[in-house]
Amino acid sequence: MYIMVKSMAGAETAGAKTGGMVDGEGSITMPRVAKNPPTDFGHRLRRLRKERGFTQTELGAAIGSSHRMIVYYEVQGGNPPADVLLKLAKALGVSPDVLLGQEFVKKSKQSDAPHNLRLMRKLRLVEKLPEKERKQVLALIEALVENQQLKKESRA
């Protein structure tokens, strides 16, 4: 988005100094600046959340909060209160120092793609279901995999 500013004299120099664009009528078009740009904490939280395969809703639920609070911390907020910071660190499997930028995360050598981690978390939840529901989930997975294999074979 851009904001239009009208100026009579010196519009071209004002535009050149501020990085805005000046049209033929002397209007300066300036880029809109975000009210609260994301903090370093917000960037780290988002990166770690995605690396661990969490959605904002899932991470909110994991810490006993809402996805709106996760959005707030990622996009607008500063550092969360100490109790929330500890819950976030525990859910993400890092120390609070990592979230605060005092310590770096060591990369895992395993294939921990976010979609794999999310799938593994969901499968752990499936393990806790009653036997009848577990069998239904497994039957669905087997049917999907078989269907995918048949599609590949028919293309070949």
Protein backbone atom coordinates (compact mmCIF):
# COMPACT_ATOMS: atom_id res chain seq x y z
CA MET A 1 0.00 0.00 0.00
CA TYR A 2 1.06 3.56 -0.57
CA ILE A 3 0.19 6.89 1.03
CA MET A 4 -0.25 9.92 -1.21
CA VAL A 5 1.20 13.20 0.05
CA LYS A 6 0.54 16.47 -1.80
CA SER A 7 3.27 19.07 -1.79
CA MET A 8 3.58 22.34 -3.69
CA ALA A 9 7.27 23.15 -3.70
CA GLY A 10 10.22 20.80 -3.50
CA ALA A 11 8.14 17.66 -4.06
CA GLU A 12 10.76 16.03 -6.25
CA THR A 13 13.53 16.53 -3.72
CA ALA A 14 11.31 15.31 -0.89
CA GLY A 15 10.53 12.20 -2.89
CA ALA A 16 14.18 11.62 -3.68
CA LYS A 17 15.21 12.02 -0.05
CA THR A 18 12.52 9.79 1.41
CA GLY A 19 12.54 7.05 -1.20
CA GLY A 20 9.02 7.84 -2.38
CA MET A 21 7.86 8.23 -5.96
CA VAL A 22 6.84 11.65 -7.35
CA ASP A 23 4.28 11.97 -10.11
CA GLY A 24 3.87 14.89 -12.54
CA GLU A 25 1.48 16.72 -10.20
CA GLY A 26 3.95 16.92 -7.32
CA SER A 27 2.42 14.07 -5.30
CA ILE A 28 4.75 11.86 -3.37
CA THR A 29 3.78 8.20 -3.02
CA MET A 30 5.38 6.65 0.05
CA PRO A 31 5.45 2.97 0.97
CA ARG A 32 3.38 2.19 4.06
CA VAL A 33 5.42 1.04 7.04
CA ALA A 34 4.09 -1.72 9.28
CA LYS A 35 2.92 -0.45 12.67
CA ASN A 36 4.67 -3.19 14.59
CA PRO A 37 7.24 -5.02 12.47
CA PRO A 38 7.95 -8.62 13.54
CA THR A 39 10.55 -8.91 16.23
CA ASP A 40 13.56 -11.17 16.20
CA PHE A 41 11.70 -13.30 18.72
CA GLY A 42 8.77 -13.57 16.33
CA HIS A 43 11.04 -14.66 13.47
CA ARG A 44 12.72 -17.29 15.65
CA LEU A 45 9.38 -18.56 16.94
CA ARG A 46 7.94 -18.88 13.43
CA ARG A 47 11.07 -20.61 12.08
CA LEU A 48 11.20 -23.09 14.97
CA ARG A 49 7.45 -23.75 14.78
CA LYS A 50 7.68 -24.54 11.08
CA GLU A 51 10.83 -26.65 11.51
CA ARG A 52 9.05 -28.70 14.16
CA GLY A 53 5.99 -29.13 11.93
CA PHE A 54 3.52 -27.27 14.11
CA THR A 55 0.69 -25.14 12.81
CA GLN A 56 -0.09 -22.03 14.83
CA THR A 57 -3.25 -23.72 16.12
CA GLU A 58 -1.36 -26.86 17.17
CA LEU A 59 1.34 -24.89 18.97
CA GLY A 60 -1.28 -22.79 20.73
CA ALA A 61 -3.04 -25.95 21.90
CA ALA A 62 0.27 -27.48 23.00
CA ILE A 63 0.93 -24.56 25.35
CA GLY A 64 -2.68 -24.17 26.48
CA SER A 65 -3.30 -21.01 24.50
CA SER A 66 -4.96 -19.96 21.26
CA HIS A 67 -3.53 -19.68 17.77
CA ARG A 68 -4.18 -15.93 18.01
CA MET A 69 -1.54 -15.63 20.72
CA ILE A 70 0.96 -17.48 18.55
CA VAL A 71 0.13 -15.15 15.64
CA TYR A 72 0.58 -12.18 17.97
CA TYR A 73 4.01 -13.31 19.15
CA GLU A 74 5.13 -14.13 15.59
CA VAL A 75 3.87 -10.96 13.93
CA GLN A 76 3.48 -8.13 16.41
CA GLY A 77 4.51 -8.96 19.91
CA GLY A 78 7.65 -8.72 21.87
CA ASN A 79 8.85 -11.36 24.24
CA PRO A 80 6.12 -13.39 25.99
CA PRO A 81 5.87 -13.69 29.78
CA ALA A 82 8.28 -16.16 31.38
CA ASP A 83 5.65 -18.88 31.92
CA VAL A 84 4.58 -18.74 28.25
CA LEU A 85 8.21 -18.70 27.12
CA LEU A 86 8.88 -21.89 29.09
CA LYS A 87 5.82 -23.60 27.61
CA LEU A 88 6.83 -22.59 24.07
CA ALA A 89 10.38 -23.84 24.61
CA LYS A 90 9.13 -27.17 25.98
CA ALA A 91 6.64 -27.66 23.12
CA LEU A 92 9.30 -26.85 20.51
CA GLY A 93 11.96 -28.96 22.19
CA VAL A 94 14.44 -26.12 22.68
CA SER A 95 15.75 -24.12 25.59
CA PRO A 96 14.28 -20.69 26.36
CA ASP A 97 17.70 -19.27 25.44
CA VAL A 98 17.20 -20.48 21.87
CA LEU A 99 13.86 -18.67 21.63
CA LEU A 100 15.42 -15.52 23.05
CA GLY A 101 18.33 -15.71 20.60
CA GLN A 102 20.98 -16.31 23.27
CA GLU A 103 21.84 -19.77 21.93
CA PHE A 104 21.70 -21.36 18.49
CA VAL A 105 19.78 -24.49 17.52
CA LYS A 106 21.88 -27.40 16.37
CA LYS A 107 20.58 -28.88 13.12
CA SER A 108 19.49 -32.50 13.31
CA LYS A 109 21.11 -34.95 10.92
CA GLN A 110 17.86 -36.92 10.57
CA SER A 111 15.31 -36.25 7.88
CA ASP A 112 13.07 -34.09 10.04
CA ALA A 113 11.05 -32.37 7.37
CA PRO A 114 8.11 -30.48 8.93
CA HIS A 115 5.51 -32.66 7.23
CA ASN A 116 7.19 -35.81 8.59
CA LEU A 117 7.24 -34.46 12.15
CA ARG A 118 3.62 -33.46 11.94
CA LEU A 119 2.68 -36.87 10.60
CA MET A 120 4.61 -38.57 13.40
CA ARG A 121 2.82 -36.47 16.03
CA LYS A 122 -0.55 -37.38 14.50
CA LEU A 123 0.38 -41.08 14.41
CA ARG A 124 1.31 -40.94 18.09
CA LEU A 125 -2.17 -39.58 18.76
CA VAL A 126 -3.68 -42.38 16.67
CA GLU A 127 -1.83 -44.90 18.86
CA LYS A 128 -3.81 -43.62 21.84
CA LEU A 129 -7.17 -44.25 20.15
CA PRO A 130 -9.24 -47.32 20.98
CA GLU A 131 -8.38 -50.40 18.92
CA LYS A 132 -11.45 -50.14 16.67
CA GLU A 133 -10.61 -46.55 15.62
CA ARG A 134 -6.92 -47.42 15.14
CA LYS A 135 -7.92 -50.20 12.73
CA GLN A 136 -10.13 -47.77 10.80
CA VAL A 137 -7.28 -45.28 10.48
CA LEU A 138 -4.89 -47.99 9.32
CA ALA A 139 -7.42 -49.25 6.78
CA LEU A 140 -7.80 -45.72 5.43
CA ILE A 141 -4.03 -45.26 5.17
CA GLU A 142 -3.62 -48.61 3.43
CA ALA A 143 -6.40 -47.75 0.96
CA LEU A 144 -4.81 -44.37 0.17
CA VAL A 145 -1.37 -45.91 -0.36
CA GLU A 146 -2.78 -48.68 -2.54
CA ASN A 147 -4.75 -46.15 -4.59
CA GLN A 148 -1.59 -44.08 -5.13
CA GLN A 149 0.35 -47.16 -6.24
CA LEU A 150 -2.38 -48.10 -8.73
CA LYS A 151 -2.29 -44.59 -10.18
CA LYS A 152 1.48 -44.82 -10.64
CA GLU A 153 1.20 -48.22 -12.29
CA SER A 154 -1.49 -47.06 -14.68
CA ARG A 155 0.69 -44.13 -15.82
CA ALA A 156 3.65 -46.38 -16.53
